[in-house]
Amino acid sequence: MQTVRSKGFSPSPKPLIILLSSLLAFLLSTTPTVAAELGNSLSMPAVDQATSSSPVPEFLKNIPQGFYTTFKTDKIKAQIKEEDAVLIDVRQPSEYESGHIPEALNIPLRQLAENLDKIPKDRPVIVYCSTGYRTGMGVMALQLLGYDNVSGFPPSFQGWKESGEKVE
């Protein structure tokens, strides 16, 4: 079985702050229930003026160890079988229909906040996409929404297929 690793990603603080600020602003602006979940008093500082009182540094400090480390298909299969983990495919429906990991639930990234009722908080949730980019955004969004049971599968669907696993 082949393990696929993400290529060439080395985060630098400023792009990550931009990404997190954009993601939070998007969530707050698109869904009233998300704003209520996160609190209406949050203000989004300019990226260059991010301070320790803004939500982004606080979120970054509280990222749990290993929240994004499910790299092996065997581990995912074991979590599904032993812990009743839920797989969430954050790709678009057309991508999902062209092939997906068995038993995965399709909730496109832009619709995560509108489908929180389908995402459990009492068992592991594993997020994946095509190649890993949307996986990270999905994990971050759910973390910001209070989910501490979420991990990502960075090799994503491409890695799953390349390891020879069954697809639906």
Protein backbone atom coordinates (compact mmCIF):
# COMPACT_ATOMS: atom_id res chain seq x y z
CA MET A 1 0.00 0.00 0.00
CA GLN A 2 1.41 3.38 -1.00
CA THR A 3 1.24 6.40 1.28
CA VAL A 4 0.82 9.69 -0.53
CA ARG A 5 2.06 12.84 1.17
CA SER A 6 1.18 16.44 0.46
CA LYS A 7 3.83 18.09 -1.71
CA GLY A 8 5.66 21.32 -1.05
CA PHE A 9 3.45 22.85 1.63
CA SER A 10 5.28 24.93 4.18
CA PRO A 11 2.96 27.43 5.82
CA SER A 12 4.06 30.95 6.52
CA PRO A 13 2.08 32.98 9.06
CA LYS A 14 0.80 35.83 6.87
CA PRO A 15 -0.91 33.68 4.16
CA LEU A 16 -2.37 31.49 6.88
CA ILE A 17 -3.78 34.52 8.69
CA ILE A 18 -5.20 35.79 5.39
CA LEU A 19 -6.79 32.39 4.73
CA LEU A 20 -8.26 32.11 8.22
CA SER A 21 -9.50 35.71 8.21
CA SER A 22 -11.11 35.18 4.80
CA LEU A 23 -12.67 31.91 5.89
CA LEU A 24 -14.10 33.42 9.06
CA ALA A 25 -15.37 36.50 7.20
CA PHE A 26 -16.98 34.23 4.59
CA LEU A 27 -18.67 32.10 7.24
CA LEU A 28 -19.96 35.11 9.12
CA SER A 29 -21.24 36.84 6.01
CA THR A 30 -22.98 33.91 4.37
CA THR A 31 -24.85 32.19 7.13
CA PRO A 32 -26.67 33.96 9.96
CA THR A 33 -26.61 30.81 12.09
CA VAL A 34 -22.83 30.68 11.81
CA ALA A 35 -22.59 34.25 13.03
CA ALA A 36 -24.79 33.31 15.97
CA GLU A 37 -22.66 30.22 16.66
CA LEU A 38 -19.43 32.21 16.67
CA GLY A 39 -20.88 35.24 18.40
CA ASN A 40 -22.02 38.44 16.81
CA SER A 41 -19.36 40.45 18.62
CA LEU A 42 -16.43 39.12 16.57
CA SER A 43 -14.70 41.79 14.54
CA MET A 44 -12.28 41.06 11.73
CA PRO A 45 -9.09 43.12 12.03
CA ALA A 46 -7.10 44.01 8.95
CA VAL A 47 -4.50 41.32 8.23
CA ASP A 48 -1.57 43.65 8.96
CA GLN A 49 -3.23 44.72 12.20
CA ALA A 50 -4.06 41.27 13.57
CA THR A 51 -3.62 41.38 17.31
CA SER A 52 -3.71 38.86 20.09
CA SER A 53 -7.33 39.89 20.72
CA SER A 54 -8.48 38.88 17.22
CA PRO A 55 -10.02 35.43 16.72
CA VAL A 56 -7.31 34.23 14.31
CA PRO A 57 -4.32 34.09 16.71
CA GLU A 58 -6.52 32.52 19.37
CA PHE A 59 -7.68 29.86 16.91
CA LEU A 60 -4.10 29.16 15.82
CA LYS A 61 -2.94 28.76 19.43
CA ASN A 62 -5.69 26.24 20.13
CA ILE A 63 -5.21 23.95 17.14
CA PRO A 64 -5.03 20.48 18.68
CA GLN A 65 -1.91 18.36 18.17
CA GLY A 66 -2.37 15.94 15.28
CA PHE A 67 -5.63 17.44 14.05
CA TYR A 68 -4.54 17.02 10.46
CA THR A 69 -2.52 13.83 10.50
CA THR A 70 -4.62 11.01 9.10
CA PHE A 71 -2.25 10.12 6.28
CA LYS A 72 -2.86 6.40 5.91
CA THR A 73 -5.83 4.68 4.36
CA ASP A 74 -5.55 1.80 6.85
CA LYS A 75 -6.07 4.24 9.73
CA ILE A 76 -9.18 5.69 8.08
CA LYS A 77 -10.61 2.24 7.41
CA ALA A 78 -9.98 1.28 11.06
CA GLN A 79 -11.63 4.48 12.32
CA ILE A 80 -14.70 3.81 10.18
CA LYS A 81 -14.98 0.22 11.38
CA GLU A 82 -13.96 0.58 15.04
CA GLU A 83 -15.07 4.12 15.92
CA ASP A 84 -17.95 4.61 13.47
CA ALA A 85 -16.13 7.59 11.92
CA VAL A 86 -17.97 9.74 9.39
CA LEU A 87 -16.26 10.60 6.12
CA ILE A 88 -17.19 13.97 4.63
CA ASP A 89 -16.32 14.64 1.01
CA VAL A 90 -16.19 18.43 0.61
CA ARG A 91 -15.95 18.34 -3.19
CA GLN A 92 -18.67 19.51 -5.52
CA PRO A 93 -21.50 17.03 -6.28
CA SER A 94 -20.25 16.42 -9.83
CA GLU A 95 -16.82 15.43 -8.44
CA TYR A 96 -18.44 13.17 -5.83
CA GLU A 97 -20.62 11.50 -8.47
CA SER A 98 -17.57 10.73 -10.61
CA GLY A 99 -16.13 8.67 -7.73
CA HIS A 100 -15.80 8.84 -3.95
CA ILE A 101 -14.62 6.88 -0.93
CA PRO A 102 -17.28 4.32 0.05
CA GLU A 103 -19.75 5.51 2.70
CA ALA A 104 -18.64 9.16 2.36
CA LEU A 105 -21.21 11.88 2.83
CA ASN A 106 -21.02 14.68 0.25
CA ILE A 107 -21.25 18.14 1.79
CA PRO A 108 -19.55 20.69 -0.50
CA LEU A 109 -17.17 23.02 1.32
CA ARG A 110 -19.33 26.10 0.77
CA GLN A 111 -22.32 24.28 2.28
CA LEU A 112 -20.68 22.93 5.46
CA ALA A 113 -22.13 25.62 7.72
CA GLU A 114 -25.63 24.97 6.37
CA ASN A 115 -25.38 21.24 7.10
CA LEU A 116 -24.05 21.10 10.65
CA ASP A 117 -26.99 18.90 11.61
CA LYS A 118 -25.46 16.14 9.44
CA ILE A 119 -22.03 16.37 11.10
CA PRO A 120 -21.80 14.56 14.45
CA LYS A 121 -19.84 15.87 17.42
CA ASP A 122 -19.80 12.56 19.29
CA ARG A 123 -17.65 10.46 16.95
CA PRO A 124 -14.68 11.04 14.62
CA VAL A 125 -15.23 13.06 11.46
CA ILE A 126 -12.74 12.80 8.60
CA VAL A 127 -12.79 15.46 5.88
CA TYR A 128 -11.36 14.94 2.40
CA CYS A 129 -11.48 16.49 -1.08
CA SER A 130 -9.59 15.82 -4.32
CA THR A 131 -6.03 16.71 -3.40
CA GLY A 132 -6.07 18.22 0.11
CA TYR A 133 -6.61 21.97 -0.35
CA ARG A 134 -10.32 22.06 0.49
CA THR A 135 -9.71 19.45 3.19
CA GLY A 136 -7.69 21.97 5.19
CA MET A 137 -10.32 24.67 4.79
CA GLY A 138 -13.06 22.25 5.83
CA VAL A 139 -11.17 21.13 8.93
CA MET A 140 -10.44 24.76 9.89
CA ALA A 141 -14.07 25.80 9.36
CA LEU A 142 -15.40 22.97 11.51
CA GLN A 143 -12.80 23.69 14.19
CA LEU A 144 -13.94 27.33 14.23
CA LEU A 145 -17.51 26.10 14.61
CA GLY A 146 -16.63 24.15 17.73
CA TYR A 147 -15.92 20.67 16.39
CA ASP A 148 -12.99 19.05 18.19
CA ASN A 149 -13.52 15.62 16.63
CA VAL A 150 -12.45 16.54 13.08
CA SER A 151 -9.35 15.50 11.19
CA GLY A 152 -8.38 15.77 7.57
CA PHE A 153 -7.14 13.19 5.12
CA PRO A 154 -4.54 15.24 3.18
CA PRO A 155 -3.85 12.58 0.54
CA SER A 156 -7.58 12.93 -0.13
CA PHE A 157 -9.44 11.11 -2.89
CA GLN A 158 -6.40 11.08 -5.18
CA GLY A 159 -4.32 9.34 -2.50
CA TRP A 160 -7.13 6.89 -1.76
CA LYS A 161 -7.33 5.89 -5.44
CA GLU A 162 -3.54 5.69 -5.83
CA SER A 163 -3.33 3.31 -2.87
CA GLY A 164 -5.61 0.92 -4.76
CA GLU A 165 -8.61 1.25 -2.46
CA LYS A 166 -12.18 0.69 -3.62
CA VAL A 167 -14.14 3.70 -4.89
CA GLU A 168 -17.86 4.11 -5.51
